[in-house]
Amino acid sequence: MDVRIVELSMGELKFESDVDLIDHIQVVDPFGNALLQKKVRAEFSLPLGSKKVSLSLQCRQVCKRRLSQHLYHVGVLILNYEEGGDELLRSYIGSGSETEVTAAYG
């Protein structure tokens, strides 16, 4: 599942992904309506200085928009940072880097 992060802040993460990820993280009620309360774990690397650092977050999906037949825009709320991830993300955002970041979700 390929994911391209399009917006990253201390409180939320927005990304584009194919339908495979949506099928993996989406929960539906007995009537087929999508529910947006499933918690997911996001793991990705960020370029920080001359090295890459790994970041792991606990998130909850809060919005989803279909961009095309196979591409979605998804917004998640960051619930928890693991192992000092908040400081790593704060440093990355403070560096002003606009490097494209990809992520994995589970």
C-alpha atoms as a PDB file:
ATOM      1  CA  MET A   1       0.000   0.000   0.000  1.00  0.00           C
ATOM      2  CA  ASP A   2       1.603   3.213  -1.152  1.00  0.00           C
ATOM      3  CA  VAL A   3       0.786   6.380   0.719  1.00  0.00           C
ATOM      4  CA  ARG A   4       1.887   9.928  -0.079  1.00  0.00           C
ATOM      5  CA  ILE A   5       1.696  12.426   2.765  1.00  0.00           C
ATOM      6  CA  VAL A   6       0.355  15.750   1.530  1.00  0.00           C
ATOM      7  CA  GLU A   7       0.116  17.632   4.836  1.00  0.00           C
ATOM      8  CA  LEU A   8       1.748  17.016   8.194  1.00  0.00           C
ATOM      9  CA  SER A   9       1.334  18.959  11.413  1.00  0.00           C
ATOM     10  CA  MET A  10       1.656  18.240  15.131  1.00  0.00           C
ATOM     11  CA  GLY A  11      -2.042  17.330  15.347  1.00  0.00           C
ATOM     12  CA  GLU A  12      -2.982  15.821  12.027  1.00  0.00           C
ATOM     13  CA  LEU A  13      -1.810  14.004   8.964  1.00  0.00           C
ATOM     14  CA  LYS A  14      -3.353  14.160   5.484  1.00  0.00           C
ATOM     15  CA  PHE A  15      -2.376  11.717   2.783  1.00  0.00           C
ATOM     16  CA  GLU A  16      -3.313  10.287  -0.590  1.00  0.00           C
ATOM     17  CA  SER A  17      -3.662   6.551  -1.048  1.00  0.00           C
ATOM     18  CA  ASP A  18      -5.161   3.905  -3.261  1.00  0.00           C
ATOM     19  CA  VAL A  19      -8.322   1.956  -2.542  1.00  0.00           C
ATOM     20  CA  ASP A  20      -6.361  -0.941  -0.967  1.00  0.00           C
ATOM     21  CA  LEU A  21      -5.485   1.164   2.075  1.00  0.00           C
ATOM     22  CA  ILE A  22      -9.029   2.488   2.357  1.00  0.00           C
ATOM     23  CA  ASP A  23     -10.351  -1.072   2.377  1.00  0.00           C
ATOM     24  CA  HIS A  24      -7.797  -1.922   5.083  1.00  0.00           C
ATOM     25  CA  ILE A  25      -8.578   0.941   7.481  1.00  0.00           C
ATOM     26  CA  GLN A  26     -12.270   1.567   6.802  1.00  0.00           C
ATOM     27  CA  VAL A  27     -14.901   0.124   9.115  1.00  0.00           C
ATOM     28  CA  VAL A  28     -18.515  -0.141   7.970  1.00  0.00           C
ATOM     29  CA  ASP A  29     -21.689  -0.579   9.999  1.00  0.00           C
ATOM     30  CA  PRO A  30     -24.211  -3.379   9.281  1.00  0.00           C
ATOM     31  CA  PHE A  31     -25.914  -1.098   6.721  1.00  0.00           C
ATOM     32  CA  GLY A  32     -22.712  -0.488   4.719  1.00  0.00           C
ATOM     33  CA  ASN A  33     -22.111   3.062   5.998  1.00  0.00           C
ATOM     34  CA  ALA A  34     -18.470   3.979   6.539  1.00  0.00           C
ATOM     35  CA  LEU A  35     -17.514   4.712  10.143  1.00  0.00           C
ATOM     36  CA  LEU A  36     -14.594   7.029  10.820  1.00  0.00           C
ATOM     37  CA  GLN A  37     -13.575   5.915  14.295  1.00  0.00           C
ATOM     38  CA  LYS A  38     -11.042   3.169  13.563  1.00  0.00           C
ATOM     39  CA  LYS A  39      -7.624   3.773  15.088  1.00  0.00           C
ATOM     40  CA  VAL A  40      -4.614   3.096  12.871  1.00  0.00           C
ATOM     41  CA  ARG A  41      -0.862   3.127  13.334  1.00  0.00           C
ATOM     42  CA  ALA A  42       1.210   5.199  10.908  1.00  0.00           C
ATOM     43  CA  GLU A  43       4.931   4.580  10.486  1.00  0.00           C
ATOM     44  CA  PHE A  44       7.222   6.642   8.278  1.00  0.00           C
ATOM     45  CA  SER A  45      10.691   8.131   8.002  1.00  0.00           C
ATOM     46  CA  LEU A  46      11.484  11.821   7.932  1.00  0.00           C
ATOM     47  CA  PRO A  47      14.651  13.439   6.618  1.00  0.00           C
ATOM     48  CA  LEU A  48      16.169  15.355   9.535  1.00  0.00           C
ATOM     49  CA  GLY A  49      19.513  16.931   8.815  1.00  0.00           C
ATOM     50  CA  SER A  50      21.737  14.414   7.068  1.00  0.00           C
ATOM     51  CA  LYS A  51      19.857  11.351   8.340  1.00  0.00           C
ATOM     52  CA  LYS A  52      16.402   9.809   8.272  1.00  0.00           C
ATOM     53  CA  VAL A  53      14.495   9.267  11.490  1.00  0.00           C
ATOM     54  CA  SER A  54      11.586   6.864  11.992  1.00  0.00           C
ATOM     55  CA  LEU A  55       8.309   8.069  13.410  1.00  0.00           C
ATOM     56  CA  SER A  56       5.379   5.987  14.645  1.00  0.00           C
ATOM     57  CA  LEU A  57       1.966   7.476  15.462  1.00  0.00           C
ATOM     58  CA  GLN A  58      -1.391   6.261  16.690  1.00  0.00           C
ATOM     59  CA  CYS A  59      -4.111   7.982  14.636  1.00  0.00           C
ATOM     60  CA  ARG A  60      -7.852   8.010  14.033  1.00  0.00           C
ATOM     61  CA  GLN A  61      -9.361   8.594  10.606  1.00  0.00           C
ATOM     62  CA  VAL A  62     -11.552  11.707  10.607  1.00  0.00           C
ATOM     63  CA  CYS A  63     -12.249  12.332   6.919  1.00  0.00           C
ATOM     64  CA  LYS A  64     -12.039  10.658   3.531  1.00  0.00           C
ATOM     65  CA  ARG A  65     -12.562  12.092   0.041  1.00  0.00           C
ATOM     66  CA  ARG A  66     -12.427  10.252  -3.250  1.00  0.00           C
ATOM     67  CA  LEU A  67     -10.170  12.007  -5.771  1.00  0.00           C
ATOM     68  CA  SER A  68     -10.545   9.490  -8.602  1.00  0.00           C
ATOM     69  CA  GLN A  69     -11.618   5.906  -9.168  1.00  0.00           C
ATOM     70  CA  HIS A  70      -8.594   4.515  -7.312  1.00  0.00           C
ATOM     71  CA  LEU A  71      -7.219   7.481  -5.336  1.00  0.00           C
ATOM     72  CA  TYR A  72      -8.401   8.879  -1.999  1.00  0.00           C
ATOM     73  CA  HIS A  73      -7.470  11.816   0.222  1.00  0.00           C
ATOM     74  CA  VAL A  74      -7.615  10.827   3.905  1.00  0.00           C
ATOM     75  CA  GLY A  75      -7.255  12.928   7.038  1.00  0.00           C
ATOM     76  CA  VAL A  76      -6.290  11.458  10.394  1.00  0.00           C
ATOM     77  CA  LEU A  77      -6.043  12.967  13.846  1.00  0.00           C
ATOM     78  CA  ILE A  78      -2.817  12.152  15.677  1.00  0.00           C
ATOM     79  CA  LEU A  79      -3.708  10.588  19.032  1.00  0.00           C
ATOM     80  CA  ASN A  80      -0.299   9.521  20.369  1.00  0.00           C
ATOM     81  CA  TYR A  81       3.358   9.721  19.438  1.00  0.00           C
ATOM     82  CA  GLU A  82       5.587   6.754  20.207  1.00  0.00           C
ATOM     83  CA  GLU A  83       9.136   7.018  21.625  1.00  0.00           C
ATOM     84  CA  GLY A  84       9.738  10.764  21.443  1.00  0.00           C
ATOM     85  CA  GLY A  85       8.041  11.127  18.089  1.00  0.00           C
ATOM     86  CA  ASP A  86       6.551  14.482  19.032  1.00  0.00           C
ATOM     87  CA  GLU A  87      10.022  16.029  19.364  1.00  0.00           C
ATOM     88  CA  LEU A  88      11.163  14.470  16.077  1.00  0.00           C
ATOM     89  CA  LEU A  89       8.120  15.815  14.249  1.00  0.00           C
ATOM     90  CA  ARG A  90       8.505  19.249  15.848  1.00  0.00           C
ATOM     91  CA  SER A  91      12.136  19.343  14.642  1.00  0.00           C
ATOM     92  CA  TYR A  92      11.132  18.263  11.133  1.00  0.00           C
ATOM     93  CA  ILE A  93       8.392  20.903  10.889  1.00  0.00           C
ATOM     94  CA  GLY A  94      10.749  23.543  12.303  1.00  0.00           C
ATOM     95  CA  SER A  95      13.348  22.720   9.645  1.00  0.00           C
ATOM     96  CA  GLY A  96      10.951  23.853   6.913  1.00  0.00           C
ATOM     97  CA  SER A  97      11.689  20.759   4.822  1.00  0.00           C
ATOM     98  CA  GLU A  98       9.332  20.095   1.933  1.00  0.00           C
ATOM     99  CA  THR A  99      10.719  16.680   1.084  1.00  0.00           C
ATOM    100  CA  GLU A 100       8.062  14.192  -0.020  1.00  0.00           C
ATOM    101  CA  VAL A 101       7.379  11.617   2.670  1.00  0.00           C
ATOM    102  CA  THR A 102       5.775   8.203   2.225  1.00  0.00           C
ATOM    103  CA  ALA A 103       4.208   6.147   4.968  1.00  0.00           C
ATOM    104  CA  ALA A 104       2.935   2.699   5.889  1.00  0.00           C
ATOM    105  CA  TYR A 105      -0.281   2.071   7.779  1.00  0.00           C
ATOM    106  CA  GLY A 106      -1.483  -0.876   9.783  1.00  0.00           C
END
